[in-house]
Amino acid sequence: MRITVVQTVCCFVLIGVFAGGHHHTSSLYVSPSGSDSNPGTIDKPLRTIQRAGNVAQPGTTVYVRGGVYCERLRVTAGGSQAGGFITFRSQVGERAILDGSCLRVAEGDDALVELTNVSFVRLQDLEIRNLRTRNYQSVPWGIRVAGAGSHIEILGNDVHHIEQNCAEHGRTVNGLGIGVYGTDNKTPISDLVIDGNKVHHLKTGSSESLVVNGNISGFRITGNAVHDNNNIGIDVIGFEHTAPNPAVDRARDGVVSENRVYNITSRGNPGEQPVNSDGIYVDGGTRILIERNVVHDVDYGIELASEHYDGDTSHVIARNNLVYSCHASGFAIGGYDLKRGRTFDVAIINNTVYKNHTWGTGSGEFLMQFYLSTNSFMNNIVYIGDHGKLMTSRSGSHGGVPTVVMDHNLYYFPGGPGALMGSFNAKTFASFEQYAKQTGNDLHSVFADPQFVDPGSGDFHLRSDTPVRGKGKNLGPDVVGSLDLDGRPRVRSGRIDIGCYQRPPTDSTRLTKAGVSTQ
């Protein structure tokens, strides 16, 4: 087993942002009752956010007073290392709304907020809503970041009802909630933070709710709530010719953590196949850490693949995530047909996977597709849903390189172990025992009820009599991480539990629902 995922991705953001230099600080105010001929003080505010953006200097905070602004914001000049960020934010305690209801969506890319070739810009606590079109040639966006740049922060915004409503079946149409496209060959978008946003009730056609794509090096997508959309939730993309140079045309060195992604399906989306949307998707990204996310009621929970024959998804760790009640598989890896790219050096570690495959697609809890090598699936709880199928594997190994090494997992199906198998390396096995003996996989795995506290109400913590305690393999801190889904230490006395939660040393700690810390 080879797990060589680069673990430097956690440390790049904001290092040196405020190191050295003198920061100019000033404030501009915008109000629906203001005038663009005003100086922009709190007593004499500007009328439009765009006017404030035109005159803001490095270190300026634009405070947008509560109210509805029917306008677009185009930011083409940013802050600087020496001068600091230009920040656009709602006035504290108020709600500034950019509303596209009165706007006609232009053909091509048209965003309510667009940042182009800028650095040191922050968008914070804004509501961005209601940009809708039926024109298949239009691409509506909530927030669009493009070109090159560094130190861009998108924090605590509420982006919703961005809609591509073209109803022609089979027509490829696109719309996006928050999208960052690194389109420059020489300079990536780097030190990007997308944190604490709500991205919901979107109609994106063949596009995504929240996406990083192209020449992007160094990003954090953390603490967002992405839900009730009709295509992919969070996507990390490469090889789509977003940056013309293939050598840099992939998002890389990033973290996707502590997000909640739910209620996402392409069923009813006229531009997509039914049951085709992922909660979290890495499509051609590399050196990515996916940890401590909660994903449920989406088509596929977490997928790690590449849609492009000359591309791959590689060096990814997906750990300490909770994935449940998905319509198809909880986890999926590999290209979906023989014309797609590879998945290699992906580690799926210490996740809890519960009763997925609810729409009976045939994939099972864990779907392994084409072009796989040196991947691992370890320390996971897999509670098999009513379909009674553990996994589906559509391709075999090549040249003796293992497609997926699986071990130290806990599997459970209320109907008993006899019915839980599927296929591995394109071979069907009559029983779990036959599969383990012939493949060498899962020799240290167990079949037992994990003893969840109350999965029916979303509580996947473990009771005191759980059989998973201390049964995981300690693969080292770079692989298993330092914290479980609750934020407790992942390893205790050198031992690690199976699944996304590490039980506390005593039973006195009050347990709460998934992803909510008790400490």
Protein backbone atom coordinates (compact mmCIF):
# COMPACT_ATOMS: atom_id res chain seq x y z
CA MET A 1 0.00 0.00 0.00
CA ARG A 2 1.36 3.40 -0.97
CA ILE A 3 -0.06 6.48 0.73
CA THR A 4 2.04 9.45 -0.29
CA VAL A 5 -0.45 12.28 -0.22
CA VAL A 6 1.36 15.55 0.31
CA GLN A 7 0.38 16.95 3.70
CA THR A 8 1.56 20.51 3.28
CA VAL A 9 -1.83 21.66 2.09
CA CYS A 10 -3.01 22.70 5.55
CA CYS A 11 -0.41 25.36 6.12
CA PHE A 12 -0.30 27.65 3.12
CA VAL A 13 -3.16 30.04 3.72
CA LEU A 14 -2.54 33.52 5.02
CA ILE A 15 1.12 32.96 5.89
CA GLY A 16 2.77 36.33 5.70
CA VAL A 17 -0.35 38.21 4.68
CA PHE A 18 0.31 40.89 7.23
CA ALA A 19 4.04 40.48 7.52
CA GLY A 20 5.82 43.79 7.13
CA GLY A 21 4.67 46.99 5.53
CA HIS A 22 2.27 49.66 6.68
CA HIS A 23 -1.46 49.10 6.14
CA HIS A 24 -3.66 52.00 5.19
CA THR A 25 -7.07 51.62 6.80
CA SER A 26 -10.16 53.55 5.81
CA SER A 27 -13.89 53.06 5.51
CA LEU A 28 -16.45 53.74 2.85
CA TYR A 29 -20.19 53.43 3.40
CA VAL A 30 -22.91 52.56 0.94
CA SER A 31 -26.63 52.92 1.55
CA PRO A 32 -29.79 52.63 -0.57
CA SER A 33 -30.55 56.18 0.54
CA GLY A 34 -27.09 57.51 -0.38
CA SER A 35 -25.74 59.26 -3.45
CA ASP A 36 -22.71 58.50 -5.57
CA SER A 37 -21.81 62.17 -5.37
CA ASN A 38 -21.36 61.83 -1.59
CA PRO A 39 -17.94 61.30 -0.01
CA GLY A 40 -18.89 57.84 1.30
CA THR A 41 -18.86 58.64 4.99
CA ILE A 42 -21.30 57.05 7.41
CA ASP A 43 -23.31 60.30 7.41
CA LYS A 44 -23.06 60.83 3.64
CA PRO A 45 -22.90 57.35 2.12
CA LEU A 46 -22.55 56.36 -1.50
CA ARG A 47 -25.51 54.89 -3.36
CA THR A 48 -23.90 51.99 -5.26
CA ILE A 49 -21.45 49.33 -4.22
CA GLN A 50 -19.78 49.68 -7.60
CA ARG A 51 -18.93 53.32 -6.95
CA ALA A 52 -17.30 52.33 -3.67
CA GLY A 53 -15.34 49.63 -5.45
CA ASN A 54 -14.11 52.10 -8.03
CA VAL A 55 -12.57 54.41 -5.43
CA ALA A 56 -11.50 51.91 -2.75
CA GLN A 57 -7.79 51.68 -2.02
CA PRO A 58 -5.76 48.89 -0.38
CA GLY A 59 -6.83 48.75 3.26
CA THR A 60 -10.34 50.08 2.59
CA THR A 61 -13.40 48.40 4.05
CA VAL A 62 -16.62 49.09 2.17
CA TYR A 63 -19.50 48.82 4.64
CA VAL A 64 -22.75 48.16 2.80
CA ARG A 65 -25.77 49.20 4.83
CA GLY A 66 -28.82 46.97 5.01
CA GLY A 67 -31.18 46.93 2.06
CA VAL A 68 -31.59 45.65 -1.49
CA TYR A 69 -29.15 46.68 -4.25
CA CYS A 70 -30.15 45.84 -7.78
CA GLU A 71 -26.69 46.01 -9.32
CA ARG A 72 -23.65 44.05 -10.36
CA LEU A 73 -20.27 44.55 -8.70
CA ARG A 74 -17.14 44.34 -10.85
CA VAL A 75 -13.84 44.40 -8.93
CA THR A 76 -10.77 44.90 -11.13
CA ALA A 77 -8.40 46.59 -8.67
CA GLY A 78 -7.52 44.90 -5.40
CA GLY A 79 -5.48 45.42 -2.29
CA SER A 80 -1.84 44.60 -1.73
CA GLN A 81 0.60 42.91 0.60
CA ALA A 82 1.71 46.26 1.95
CA GLY A 83 -1.65 48.03 1.98
CA GLY A 84 -3.95 45.20 3.02
CA PHE A 85 -7.29 43.90 1.79
CA ILE A 86 -10.09 45.74 0.08
CA THR A 87 -13.14 44.37 1.88
CA PHE A 88 -16.78 44.50 0.80
CA ARG A 89 -19.09 43.53 3.64
CA SER A 90 -22.48 44.08 5.15
CA GLN A 91 -22.52 46.60 7.93
CA VAL A 92 -22.32 44.64 11.18
CA GLY A 93 -25.82 43.70 12.29
CA GLU A 94 -27.35 44.57 8.92
CA ARG A 95 -28.05 42.61 5.74
CA ALA A 96 -26.91 43.93 2.39
CA ILE A 97 -28.54 42.14 -0.55
CA LEU A 98 -27.38 42.13 -4.17
CA ASP A 99 -30.50 41.10 -6.02
CA GLY A 100 -30.54 40.28 -9.72
CA SER A 101 -34.32 40.25 -10.13
CA CYS A 102 -34.28 43.51 -12.07
CA LEU A 103 -31.30 42.53 -14.25
CA ARG A 104 -31.31 40.86 -17.63
CA VAL A 105 -28.67 38.15 -17.77
CA ALA A 106 -26.23 38.78 -20.58
CA GLU A 107 -25.05 36.08 -22.96
CA GLY A 108 -21.82 34.44 -21.85
CA ASP A 109 -20.63 34.69 -18.26
CA ASP A 110 -22.64 37.14 -16.17
CA ALA A 111 -22.11 37.36 -12.41
CA LEU A 112 -23.66 39.46 -9.70
CA VAL A 113 -20.17 39.83 -8.20
CA GLU A 114 -17.06 39.39 -10.32
CA LEU A 115 -13.39 39.61 -9.31
CA THR A 116 -10.94 39.63 -12.22
CA ASN A 117 -7.14 39.52 -11.87
CA VAL A 118 -7.15 40.89 -8.35
CA SER A 119 -5.43 40.09 -5.07
CA PHE A 120 -6.21 40.88 -1.43
CA VAL A 121 -9.97 41.19 -1.87
CA ARG A 122 -12.52 40.01 0.67
CA LEU A 123 -16.28 39.51 0.23
CA GLN A 124 -18.05 39.07 3.54
CA ASP A 125 -21.58 38.61 4.87
CA LEU A 126 -23.39 39.62 1.68
CA GLU A 127 -26.59 38.07 0.37
CA ILE A 128 -26.38 37.42 -3.37
CA ARG A 129 -29.55 36.20 -4.99
CA ASN A 130 -32.06 35.94 -7.81
CA LEU A 131 -30.10 35.91 -11.05
CA ARG A 132 -32.21 33.85 -13.46
CA THR A 133 -32.25 33.13 -17.17
CA ARG A 134 -33.84 30.81 -19.73
CA ASN A 135 -31.33 31.70 -22.45
CA TYR A 136 -29.09 28.68 -23.04
CA GLN A 137 -26.29 31.01 -24.17
CA SER A 138 -26.17 32.77 -20.78
CA VAL A 139 -24.18 31.57 -17.76
CA PRO A 140 -25.43 33.18 -14.55
CA TRP A 141 -23.07 33.24 -11.55
CA GLY A 142 -23.49 34.40 -8.00
CA ILE A 143 -19.79 35.09 -7.37
CA ARG A 144 -17.21 34.69 -10.13
CA VAL A 145 -13.44 34.92 -9.58
CA ALA A 146 -11.26 34.64 -12.69
CA GLY A 147 -7.77 35.25 -14.02
CA ALA A 148 -4.83 35.28 -11.61
CA GLY A 149 -4.32 36.63 -8.12
CA SER A 150 -3.78 35.75 -4.49
CA HIS A 151 -5.34 36.22 -1.07
CA ILE A 152 -8.98 36.20 -2.04
CA GLU A 153 -11.45 35.52 0.74
CA ILE A 154 -15.15 34.70 0.28
CA LEU A 155 -16.57 34.58 3.80
CA GLY A 156 -20.03 34.09 5.25
CA ASN A 157 -22.05 35.01 2.18
CA ASP A 158 -25.50 33.68 1.35
CA VAL A 159 -25.74 32.80 -2.36
CA HIS A 160 -29.05 31.46 -3.59
CA HIS A 161 -31.49 31.26 -6.49
CA ILE A 162 -28.92 31.58 -9.22
CA GLU A 163 -30.80 29.74 -11.94
CA GLN A 164 -30.23 28.50 -15.46
CA ASN A 165 -33.80 27.59 -16.37
CA CYS A 166 -33.42 26.52 -20.00
CA ALA A 167 -35.80 23.57 -20.29
CA GLU A 168 -34.51 22.00 -23.52
CA HIS A 169 -33.60 18.41 -22.67
CA GLY A 170 -30.08 17.48 -23.71
CA ARG A 171 -29.01 21.10 -24.08
CA THR A 172 -25.74 21.82 -22.25
CA VAL A 173 -26.33 24.87 -20.09
CA ASN A 174 -24.44 26.26 -17.14
CA GLY A 175 -24.85 28.36 -14.03
CA LEU A 176 -22.79 28.61 -10.84
CA GLY A 177 -23.17 29.73 -7.25
CA ILE A 178 -19.55 30.45 -6.31
CA GLY A 179 -16.91 29.72 -8.93
CA VAL A 180 -13.17 30.39 -9.04
CA TYR A 181 -11.49 29.88 -12.41
CA GLY A 182 -7.73 30.16 -12.69
CA THR A 183 -7.42 31.12 -16.35
CA ASP A 184 -3.86 32.51 -16.44
CA ASN A 185 -1.05 30.28 -17.70
CA LYS A 186 1.75 31.91 -15.70
CA THR A 187 0.22 32.95 -12.39
CA PRO A 188 -2.25 30.82 -10.43
CA ILE A 189 -4.98 31.94 -8.10
CA SER A 190 -3.45 31.17 -4.72
CA ASP A 191 -4.16 31.60 -1.01
CA LEU A 192 -7.88 31.33 -1.65
CA VAL A 193 -10.33 30.96 1.24
CA ILE A 194 -14.01 30.09 0.76
CA ASP A 195 -15.39 29.78 4.27
CA GLY A 196 -18.73 29.82 6.05
CA ASN A 197 -20.93 30.50 3.03
CA LYS A 198 -24.44 29.25 2.33
CA VAL A 199 -24.88 28.13 -1.28
CA HIS A 200 -28.34 26.82 -1.91
CA HIS A 201 -31.44 26.56 -4.12
CA LEU A 202 -29.47 26.82 -7.33
CA LYS A 203 -30.18 25.52 -10.82
CA THR A 204 -26.76 25.08 -12.39
CA GLY A 205 -27.38 22.96 -15.48
CA SER A 206 -24.17 21.02 -16.09
CA SER A 207 -22.14 23.16 -13.70
CA GLU A 208 -21.54 23.21 -9.97
CA SER A 209 -22.71 24.93 -6.81
CA LEU A 210 -19.23 25.78 -5.49
CA VAL A 211 -16.19 25.09 -7.66
CA VAL A 212 -12.46 25.73 -8.08
CA ASN A 213 -11.22 25.04 -11.59
CA GLY A 214 -8.01 25.45 -13.55
CA ASN A 215 -4.77 27.09 -12.43
CA ILE A 216 -5.46 27.27 -8.70
CA SER A 217 -2.69 26.47 -6.26
CA GLY A 218 -3.50 26.62 -2.55
CA PHE A 219 -7.10 26.89 -1.37
CA ARG A 220 -9.39 26.19 1.56
CA ILE A 221 -13.09 25.37 1.18
CA THR A 222 -14.29 25.16 4.77
CA GLY A 223 -17.41 25.39 6.86
CA ASN A 224 -19.84 25.96 3.99
CA ALA A 225 -23.44 24.74 3.79
CA VAL A 226 -24.23 23.63 0.23
CA HIS A 227 -27.70 22.25 -0.28
CA ASP A 228 -30.88 21.98 -2.34
CA ASN A 229 -29.19 22.36 -5.72
CA ASN A 230 -29.69 20.42 -8.96
CA ASN A 231 -26.07 19.52 -9.68
CA ILE A 232 -22.71 18.97 -7.99
CA GLY A 233 -22.19 20.51 -4.55
CA ILE A 234 -18.43 21.16 -4.15
CA ASP A 235 -16.08 20.43 -7.05
CA VAL A 236 -12.29 20.56 -7.49
CA ILE A 237 -11.55 20.40 -11.21
CA GLY A 238 -8.67 19.91 -13.65
CA PHE A 239 -8.08 19.36 -17.36
CA GLU A 240 -11.03 21.37 -18.69
CA HIS A 241 -8.83 23.83 -20.64
CA THR A 242 -9.69 26.56 -18.14
CA ALA A 243 -6.00 27.51 -18.24
CA PRO A 244 -4.61 26.91 -21.75
CA ASN A 245 -1.42 25.22 -20.50
CA PRO A 246 -2.24 21.61 -19.49
CA ALA A 247 0.68 21.58 -17.06
CA VAL A 248 -1.09 24.02 -14.72
CA ASP A 249 -4.71 23.38 -15.66
CA ARG A 250 -5.79 21.72 -12.41
CA ALA A 251 -6.77 22.83 -8.92
CA ARG A 252 -4.20 21.57 -6.42
CA ASP A 253 -2.89 21.76 -2.86
CA GLY A 254 -6.25 22.35 -1.22
CA VAL A 255 -8.39 21.49 1.75
CA VAL A 256 -12.13 20.72 1.71
CA SER A 257 -13.21 20.42 5.33
CA GLU A 258 -16.09 20.86 7.77
CA ASN A 259 -18.67 21.47 5.06
CA ARG A 260 -22.27 20.22 5.15
CA VAL A 261 -23.56 19.13 1.76
CA TYR A 262 -27.07 17.76 1.36
CA ASN A 263 -30.23 17.55 -0.76
CA ILE A 264 -28.53 17.58 -4.13
CA THR A 265 -29.68 15.61 -7.17
CA SER A 266 -29.66 15.94 -10.94
CA ARG A 267 -33.02 14.17 -11.14
CA GLY A 268 -35.29 16.62 -12.96
CA ASN A 269 -32.34 18.63 -14.33
CA PRO A 270 -32.99 18.70 -18.10
CA GLY A 271 -29.29 19.07 -18.90
CA GLU A 272 -28.07 16.09 -16.86
CA GLN A 273 -28.62 12.38 -16.48
CA PRO A 274 -30.69 11.40 -13.43
CA VAL A 275 -28.68 10.44 -10.34
CA ASN A 276 -25.48 12.06 -11.61
CA SER A 277 -24.57 14.69 -9.00
CA ASP A 278 -21.94 14.45 -6.29
CA GLY A 279 -21.90 16.01 -2.87
CA ILE A 280 -18.12 16.51 -3.03
CA TYR A 281 -16.26 15.78 -6.25
CA VAL A 282 -12.56 15.86 -7.14
CA ASP A 283 -12.46 15.75 -10.93
CA GLY A 284 -8.81 16.05 -11.90
CA GLY A 285 -7.49 17.76 -8.78
CA THR A 286 -4.31 16.69 -7.00
CA ARG A 287 -2.91 16.90 -3.48
CA ILE A 288 -6.30 17.44 -1.86
CA LEU A 289 -7.40 16.81 1.70
CA ILE A 290 -11.12 16.11 2.26
CA GLU A 291 -11.90 15.81 5.94
CA ARG A 292 -14.60 16.18 8.57
CA ASN A 293 -17.44 16.86 6.14
CA VAL A 294 -21.03 15.68 6.53
CA VAL A 295 -22.67 14.63 3.23
CA HIS A 296 -26.15 13.18 2.92
CA ASP A 297 -29.14 12.88 0.59
CA VAL A 298 -27.12 13.58 -2.55
CA ASP A 299 -26.71 11.36 -5.61
CA TYR A 300 -23.11 10.26 -4.95
CA GLY A 301 -21.56 11.18 -1.61
CA ILE A 302 -17.86 11.77 -2.36
CA GLU A 303 -16.40 10.98 -5.78
CA LEU A 304 -12.71 11.01 -6.69
CA ALA A 305 -12.28 10.64 -10.45
CA SER A 306 -11.36 12.34 -13.71
CA GLU A 307 -13.65 12.87 -16.66
CA HIS A 308 -10.79 13.48 -19.07
CA TYR A 309 -8.75 10.68 -20.63
CA ASP A 310 -5.45 12.54 -20.31
CA GLY A 311 -6.15 13.54 -16.70
CA ASP A 312 -6.19 11.99 -13.27
CA THR A 313 -7.27 12.57 -9.70
CA SER A 314 -4.34 11.78 -7.45
CA HIS A 315 -2.81 12.14 -3.99
CA VAL A 316 -6.09 12.65 -2.17
CA ILE A 317 -7.00 11.77 1.40
CA ALA A 318 -10.70 11.58 2.30
CA ARG A 319 -10.86 11.04 6.06
CA ASN A 320 -13.16 11.43 9.05
CA ASN A 321 -16.22 12.18 6.90
CA LEU A 322 -19.82 11.09 7.51
CA VAL A 323 -21.69 10.04 4.37
CA TYR A 324 -25.23 8.72 4.60
CA SER A 325 -28.54 8.26 2.77
CA CYS A 326 -27.09 9.00 -0.66
CA HIS A 327 -29.12 7.95 -3.69
CA ALA A 328 -26.24 6.02 -5.26
CA SER A 329 -22.85 5.18 -3.69
CA GLY A 330 -21.41 6.77 -0.60
CA PHE A 331 -17.94 6.77 -2.20
CA ALA A 332 -17.01 6.43 -5.88
CA ILE A 333 -13.59 6.38 -7.56
CA GLY A 334 -12.34 5.95 -11.11
CA GLY A 335 -13.39 7.11 -14.55
CA TYR A 336 -16.99 6.19 -15.34
CA ASP A 337 -16.13 4.60 -18.72
CA LEU A 338 -13.10 3.59 -20.75
CA LYS A 339 -12.73 7.09 -22.23
CA ARG A 340 -12.03 8.72 -18.82
CA GLY A 341 -8.97 9.39 -16.70
CA ARG A 342 -7.35 7.65 -13.74
CA THR A 343 -7.67 7.64 -9.98
CA PHE A 344 -4.47 6.79 -8.11
CA ASP A 345 -2.92 7.25 -4.69
CA VAL A 346 -6.26 8.03 -3.08
CA ALA A 347 -6.78 7.07 0.56
CA ILE A 348 -10.33 6.73 1.93
CA ILE A 349 -9.71 6.53 5.66
CA ASN A 350 -11.85 6.52 8.83
CA ASN A 351 -15.16 7.46 7.29
CA THR A 352 -18.63 6.39 8.38
CA VAL A 353 -20.77 5.27 5.45
CA TYR A 354 -24.41 4.51 6.24
CA LYS A 355 -27.30 3.18 4.18
CA ASN A 356 -26.55 4.73 0.82
CA HIS A 357 -27.72 3.46 -2.59
CA THR A 358 -31.26 4.44 -1.60
CA TRP A 359 -32.44 4.66 -5.22
CA GLY A 360 -31.13 1.21 -6.17
CA THR A 361 -28.74 2.20 -8.95
CA GLY A 362 -26.74 -1.04 -8.67
CA SER A 363 -23.52 0.59 -7.48
CA GLY A 364 -23.53 -0.45 -3.81
CA GLU A 365 -21.96 1.54 -0.99
CA PHE A 366 -18.51 1.79 -2.63
CA LEU A 367 -18.20 2.12 -6.42
CA MET A 368 -14.86 1.37 -8.07
CA GLN A 369 -14.86 2.16 -11.77
CA PHE A 370 -12.09 2.30 -14.40
CA TYR A 371 -8.34 3.07 -14.37
CA LEU A 372 -7.51 2.55 -10.70
CA SER A 373 -4.16 1.94 -9.05
CA THR A 374 -2.58 2.14 -5.58
CA ASN A 375 -5.68 3.35 -3.77
CA SER A 376 -6.73 2.38 -0.24
CA PHE A 377 -9.98 1.99 1.71
CA MET A 378 -9.27 1.48 5.40
CA ASN A 379 -10.69 2.05 8.90
CA ASN A 380 -14.18 2.75 7.53
CA ILE A 381 -17.55 1.78 8.96
CA VAL A 382 -19.84 0.65 6.14
CA TYR A 383 -23.41 0.00 7.24
CA ILE A 384 -25.04 -1.44 4.16
CA GLY A 385 -28.47 -0.24 3.15
CA ASP A 386 -31.52 -2.22 2.19
CA HIS A 387 -30.04 -3.12 -1.21
CA GLY A 388 -27.60 -5.48 0.55
CA LYS A 389 -24.61 -4.67 -1.65
CA LEU A 390 -21.23 -3.66 -0.31
CA MET A 391 -19.42 -2.64 -3.48
CA THR A 392 -19.19 -2.72 -7.25
CA SER A 393 -15.89 -2.87 -9.13
CA ARG A 394 -15.98 -2.49 -12.90
CA SER A 395 -12.32 -2.97 -13.82
CA GLY A 396 -9.50 -5.27 -12.83
CA SER A 397 -5.88 -4.63 -11.91
CA HIS A 398 -3.18 -4.05 -14.49
CA GLY A 399 0.44 -5.14 -14.24
CA GLY A 400 0.04 -6.48 -10.73
CA VAL A 401 -0.64 -3.03 -9.27
CA PRO A 402 -3.55 -3.28 -6.82
CA THR A 403 -6.58 -1.19 -7.69
CA VAL A 404 -7.67 -0.73 -4.08
CA VAL A 405 -6.24 -2.11 -0.85
CA MET A 406 -9.07 -2.65 1.65
CA ASP A 407 -8.60 -3.60 5.29
CA HIS A 408 -9.39 -2.83 8.93
CA ASN A 409 -12.95 -1.89 8.02
CA LEU A 410 -16.18 -2.75 9.79
CA TYR A 411 -19.06 -3.93 7.62
CA TYR A 412 -22.62 -4.58 8.67
CA PHE A 413 -25.85 -5.58 6.98
CA PRO A 414 -28.88 -6.44 9.11
CA GLY A 415 -29.68 -9.32 6.74
CA GLY A 416 -26.42 -11.07 7.57
CA PRO A 417 -22.98 -11.31 5.95
CA GLY A 418 -23.95 -13.73 3.20
CA ALA A 419 -25.69 -11.13 1.07
CA LEU A 420 -23.35 -8.19 1.48
CA MET A 421 -20.80 -8.79 -1.28
CA GLY A 422 -20.77 -7.38 -4.76
CA SER A 423 -17.75 -7.44 -7.04
CA PHE A 424 -14.07 -6.57 -6.78
CA ASN A 425 -11.65 -6.16 -9.70
CA ALA A 426 -14.54 -7.01 -12.03
CA LYS A 427 -15.02 -10.43 -10.36
CA THR A 428 -18.15 -11.43 -8.50
CA PHE A 429 -17.75 -13.40 -5.28
CA ALA A 430 -20.28 -15.71 -3.69
CA SER A 431 -19.37 -14.61 -0.18
CA PHE A 432 -17.32 -12.13 1.76
CA GLU A 433 -15.05 -14.95 2.93
CA GLN A 434 -14.32 -16.00 -0.65
CA TYR A 435 -13.56 -12.40 -1.63
CA ALA A 436 -11.14 -11.94 1.27
CA LYS A 437 -9.35 -15.23 0.64
CA GLN A 438 -8.91 -14.72 -3.09
CA THR A 439 -8.01 -11.01 -3.07
CA GLY A 440 -6.09 -10.72 0.20
CA ASN A 441 -8.26 -7.72 1.08
CA ASP A 442 -10.11 -7.12 4.36
CA LEU A 443 -8.29 -9.87 6.25
CA HIS A 444 -8.44 -7.74 9.42
CA SER A 445 -11.93 -6.37 8.82
CA VAL A 446 -14.91 -7.39 10.92
CA PHE A 447 -18.60 -7.95 10.33
CA ALA A 448 -20.56 -6.56 13.28
CA ASP A 449 -23.19 -4.01 14.24
CA PRO A 450 -21.28 -0.77 14.97
CA GLN A 451 -23.84 0.20 17.62
CA PHE A 452 -24.73 3.73 16.58
CA VAL A 453 -26.51 5.85 19.17
CA ASP A 454 -29.51 6.88 17.03
CA PRO A 455 -28.90 6.90 13.26
CA GLY A 456 -32.59 7.53 12.58
CA SER A 457 -32.21 11.01 14.05
CA GLY A 458 -28.78 11.63 12.52
CA ASP A 459 -26.68 10.61 15.55
CA PHE A 460 -23.89 8.31 14.36
CA HIS A 461 -21.84 8.41 17.53
CA LEU A 462 -20.99 5.01 18.98
CA ARG A 463 -22.34 3.35 22.08
CA SER A 464 -20.07 2.06 24.82
CA ASP A 465 -20.41 -1.53 23.53
CA THR A 466 -19.22 -0.69 20.01
CA PRO A 467 -16.89 -3.26 18.45
CA VAL A 468 -14.89 -0.59 16.57
CA ARG A 469 -12.93 0.72 19.52
CA GLY A 470 -9.20 0.49 18.93
CA LYS A 471 -9.70 -1.76 15.87
CA GLY A 472 -8.45 0.67 13.24
CA LYS A 473 -4.93 0.71 11.89
CA ASN A 474 -2.89 3.72 12.96
CA LEU A 475 -1.49 4.88 9.63
CA GLY A 476 0.25 7.89 11.15
CA PRO A 477 -0.88 11.49 11.70
CA ASP A 478 -0.30 12.56 8.10
CA VAL A 479 -2.90 10.03 6.98
CA VAL A 480 -5.44 9.74 9.81
CA GLY A 481 -5.25 13.39 10.86
CA SER A 482 -5.28 14.91 14.32
CA LEU A 483 -9.04 15.33 14.89
CA ASP A 484 -12.15 13.22 14.42
CA LEU A 485 -15.44 14.63 13.11
CA ASP A 486 -16.28 16.06 16.54
CA GLY A 487 -12.91 17.76 16.90
CA ARG A 488 -11.65 15.27 19.48
CA PRO A 489 -8.16 13.74 19.23
CA ARG A 490 -8.17 11.14 16.47
CA VAL A 491 -5.71 8.81 18.23
CA ARG A 492 -5.70 7.88 21.92
CA SER A 493 -2.77 5.99 23.46
CA GLY A 494 -1.63 5.05 19.98
CA ARG A 495 -4.96 3.41 19.13
CA ILE A 496 -7.57 4.48 16.65
CA ASP A 497 -11.23 3.55 16.30
CA ILE A 498 -12.87 2.60 13.02
CA GLY A 499 -15.16 5.26 11.55
CA CYS A 500 -15.35 9.04 11.69
CA TYR A 501 -15.63 9.34 15.49
CA GLN A 502 -13.06 8.52 18.15
CA ARG A 503 -14.86 7.57 21.36
CA PRO A 504 -13.80 9.58 24.41
CA PRO A 505 -11.90 7.72 27.16
CA THR A 506 -15.03 7.65 29.34
CA ASP A 507 -18.74 7.52 28.60
CA SER A 508 -19.44 10.70 30.57
CA THR A 509 -19.06 13.03 27.61
CA ARG A 510 -22.46 14.02 26.28
CA LEU A 511 -22.96 12.85 22.73
CA THR A 512 -24.62 15.08 20.15
CA LYS A 513 -25.64 14.78 16.54
CA ALA A 514 -23.26 14.39 13.65
CA GLY A 515 -20.49 16.92 13.34
CA VAL A 516 -21.33 18.93 16.47
CA SER A 517 -18.59 19.08 19.04
CA THR A 518 -19.39 18.54 22.69
CA GLN A 519 -16.17 20.11 23.91
